[in-house]
Amino acid sequence: MTVNIKRVYELPSPEDGARVLVDRLWPRGVTKEAAALDAWLKDLAPSDELRKWYHAHRQQWAKFREQYLKELSSKKAAAALQQIYDLGKHNRVVTLVYSSTDEERNNAIVLKQVVEGDRKPPTGTGPVRVSAAKRARAARPRA
């Protein structure tokens, strides 16, 4: 599975594959038709508390990433991650859609690393996490 990230304000394209909104709040000024989403997975977004904290402390990217990875260890997040893997099985390309104005430091970047298996959440590495990681590796195209 190929994982891309894209701002929701950019035009959708056929290369996007399955489009998944990974924000807790609906993006301002965007209609459902314009967003062209296959799923909206709020449980993969940072909590309201973490989102508000990071908005006020943009210089603390590392701490945001650490806290966000901890949040991704929840059961709800694991179920939402499974939905991404399932979409990837059918579409081979999944685009994580976000609304942040910061294109270099946002939750979609961290989530992309988790889905690709480059980063593992620091806690909750039990059987669900291990099997999800195995599925992600198995779904990757072989070179």
Protein backbone atom coordinates (compact mmCIF):
# COMPACT_ATOMS: atom_id res chain seq x y z
CA MET A 1 0.00 0.00 0.00
CA THR A 2 1.22 3.48 -0.85
CA VAL A 3 0.36 6.20 1.65
CA ASN A 4 0.24 9.84 0.57
CA ILE A 5 -0.70 12.97 2.45
CA LYS A 6 -2.54 15.97 1.04
CA ARG A 7 -4.24 19.10 2.28
CA VAL A 8 -8.01 18.93 2.00
CA TYR A 9 -7.94 22.29 0.19
CA GLU A 10 -6.02 20.76 -2.75
CA LEU A 11 -8.12 19.34 -5.57
CA PRO A 12 -8.75 15.60 -5.41
CA SER A 13 -7.21 13.51 -8.16
CA PRO A 14 -7.56 9.89 -9.34
CA GLU A 15 -4.01 9.24 -8.07
CA ASP A 16 -5.22 9.85 -4.50
CA GLY A 17 -6.81 6.41 -4.29
CA ALA A 18 -8.89 6.19 -1.11
CA ARG A 19 -9.09 9.62 0.56
CA VAL A 20 -9.30 9.61 4.37
CA LEU A 21 -9.78 12.73 6.47
CA VAL A 22 -7.68 12.39 9.64
CA ASP A 23 -8.83 15.56 11.46
CA ARG A 24 -11.26 15.68 14.35
CA LEU A 25 -12.95 18.84 13.05
CA TRP A 26 -14.47 19.31 9.61
CA PRO A 27 -12.30 21.72 7.56
CA ARG A 28 -13.70 25.22 7.13
CA GLY A 29 -15.17 26.13 3.78
CA VAL A 30 -15.03 22.63 2.30
CA THR A 31 -18.14 20.78 1.18
CA LYS A 32 -18.44 17.02 1.42
CA GLU A 33 -18.53 16.85 -2.36
CA ALA A 34 -15.35 18.92 -2.75
CA ALA A 35 -13.53 16.82 -0.13
CA ALA A 36 -14.33 13.62 -2.07
CA LEU A 37 -13.64 11.41 0.96
CA ASP A 38 -13.91 7.68 1.31
CA ALA A 39 -13.74 7.91 5.10
CA TRP A 40 -13.48 10.39 7.95
CA LEU A 41 -11.59 8.75 10.80
CA LYS A 42 -11.88 11.13 13.75
CA ASP A 43 -10.37 8.53 16.10
CA LEU A 44 -7.03 8.91 14.33
CA ALA A 45 -6.92 12.65 14.95
CA PRO A 46 -5.16 14.15 17.96
CA SER A 47 -7.45 14.76 20.93
CA ASP A 48 -8.94 18.23 21.27
CA GLU A 49 -6.65 18.87 24.23
CA LEU A 50 -3.50 17.91 22.31
CA ARG A 51 -4.60 19.80 19.20
CA LYS A 52 -5.21 22.99 21.19
CA TRP A 53 -1.95 22.59 23.12
CA TYR A 54 0.08 22.15 19.93
CA HIS A 55 -1.61 25.15 18.32
CA ALA A 56 -0.31 27.26 21.23
CA HIS A 57 3.15 25.57 21.32
CA ARG A 58 4.15 25.06 17.67
CA GLN A 59 7.85 25.01 18.56
CA GLN A 60 7.37 21.77 20.56
CA TRP A 61 6.94 19.39 17.62
CA ALA A 62 8.82 16.52 19.29
CA LYS A 63 6.58 16.61 22.35
CA PHE A 64 3.47 16.77 20.17
CA ARG A 65 4.65 13.72 18.19
CA GLU A 66 5.35 11.79 21.39
CA GLN A 67 1.93 12.54 22.86
CA TYR A 68 0.16 11.86 19.57
CA LEU A 69 1.86 8.47 19.24
CA LYS A 70 0.63 7.62 22.73
CA GLU A 71 -2.91 8.55 21.71
CA LEU A 72 -2.61 6.28 18.67
CA SER A 73 -2.19 3.36 21.07
CA SER A 74 -5.86 3.45 22.08
CA LYS A 75 -8.34 0.75 21.04
CA LYS A 76 -10.36 3.26 19.02
CA ALA A 77 -7.26 4.35 17.12
CA ALA A 78 -6.30 0.71 16.47
CA ALA A 79 -9.74 0.08 14.96
CA ALA A 80 -9.44 3.19 12.79
CA LEU A 81 -5.95 2.14 11.67
CA GLN A 82 -7.43 -1.18 10.63
CA GLN A 83 -9.88 0.71 8.41
CA ILE A 84 -6.92 2.36 6.66
CA TYR A 85 -5.27 -1.03 6.10
CA ASP A 86 -8.55 -2.39 4.72
CA LEU A 87 -8.88 0.57 2.34
CA GLY A 88 -5.29 -0.02 1.26
CA LYS A 89 -6.06 -3.65 0.38
CA HIS A 90 -8.76 -2.54 -2.05
CA ASN A 91 -7.18 0.63 -3.41
CA ARG A 92 -3.38 0.13 -3.11
CA VAL A 93 -3.13 3.92 -2.55
CA VAL A 94 -4.48 5.74 0.49
CA THR A 95 -4.23 9.51 0.85
CA LEU A 96 -4.41 10.91 4.37
CA VAL A 97 -6.19 14.25 4.07
CA TYR A 98 -5.63 17.03 6.63
CA SER A 99 -6.42 20.73 6.98
CA SER A 100 -3.41 22.08 8.89
CA THR A 101 -1.62 25.03 7.31
CA ASP A 102 1.72 23.55 8.40
CA GLU A 103 2.60 21.09 5.65
CA GLU A 104 5.79 19.87 7.36
CA ARG A 105 4.56 19.32 10.93
CA ASN A 106 1.07 17.90 11.32
CA ASN A 107 -0.66 14.77 12.51
CA ALA A 108 -0.95 13.30 9.00
CA ILE A 109 2.85 13.10 8.73
CA VAL A 110 3.10 11.15 12.00
CA LEU A 111 0.18 8.94 11.02
CA LYS A 112 1.74 8.18 7.63
CA GLN A 113 4.88 6.96 9.40
CA VAL A 114 2.80 4.73 11.67
CA VAL A 115 0.79 3.25 8.79
CA GLU A 116 3.95 2.60 6.79
CA GLY A 117 5.47 0.88 9.82
CA ASP A 118 8.33 3.36 10.19
CA ARG A 119 7.19 4.38 13.66
CA LYS A 120 5.47 2.31 16.27
CA PRO A 121 3.40 3.85 19.01
CA PRO A 122 5.45 3.66 22.24
CA THR A 123 2.79 1.73 24.16
CA GLY A 124 0.16 -0.83 23.29
CA THR A 125 2.38 -3.07 21.19
CA GLY A 126 0.30 -6.13 21.91
CA PRO A 127 -1.09 -8.65 19.40
CA VAL A 128 -3.34 -6.12 17.63
CA ARG A 129 -0.38 -3.83 16.91
CA VAL A 130 1.87 -6.69 15.84
CA SER A 131 -0.70 -8.18 13.47
CA ALA A 132 -1.48 -4.73 12.03
CA ALA A 133 2.22 -4.15 11.40
CA LYS A 134 2.51 -7.55 9.69
CA ARG A 135 -0.47 -6.76 7.47
CA ALA A 136 1.04 -3.40 6.56
CA ARG A 137 4.35 -5.00 5.59
CA ALA A 138 2.60 -7.73 3.61
CA ALA A 139 0.52 -5.16 1.71
CA ARG A 140 3.58 -3.22 0.54
CA PRO A 141 4.50 -3.75 -3.10
CA ARG A 142 7.71 -5.73 -3.56
CA ALA A 143 10.49 -4.08 -5.55
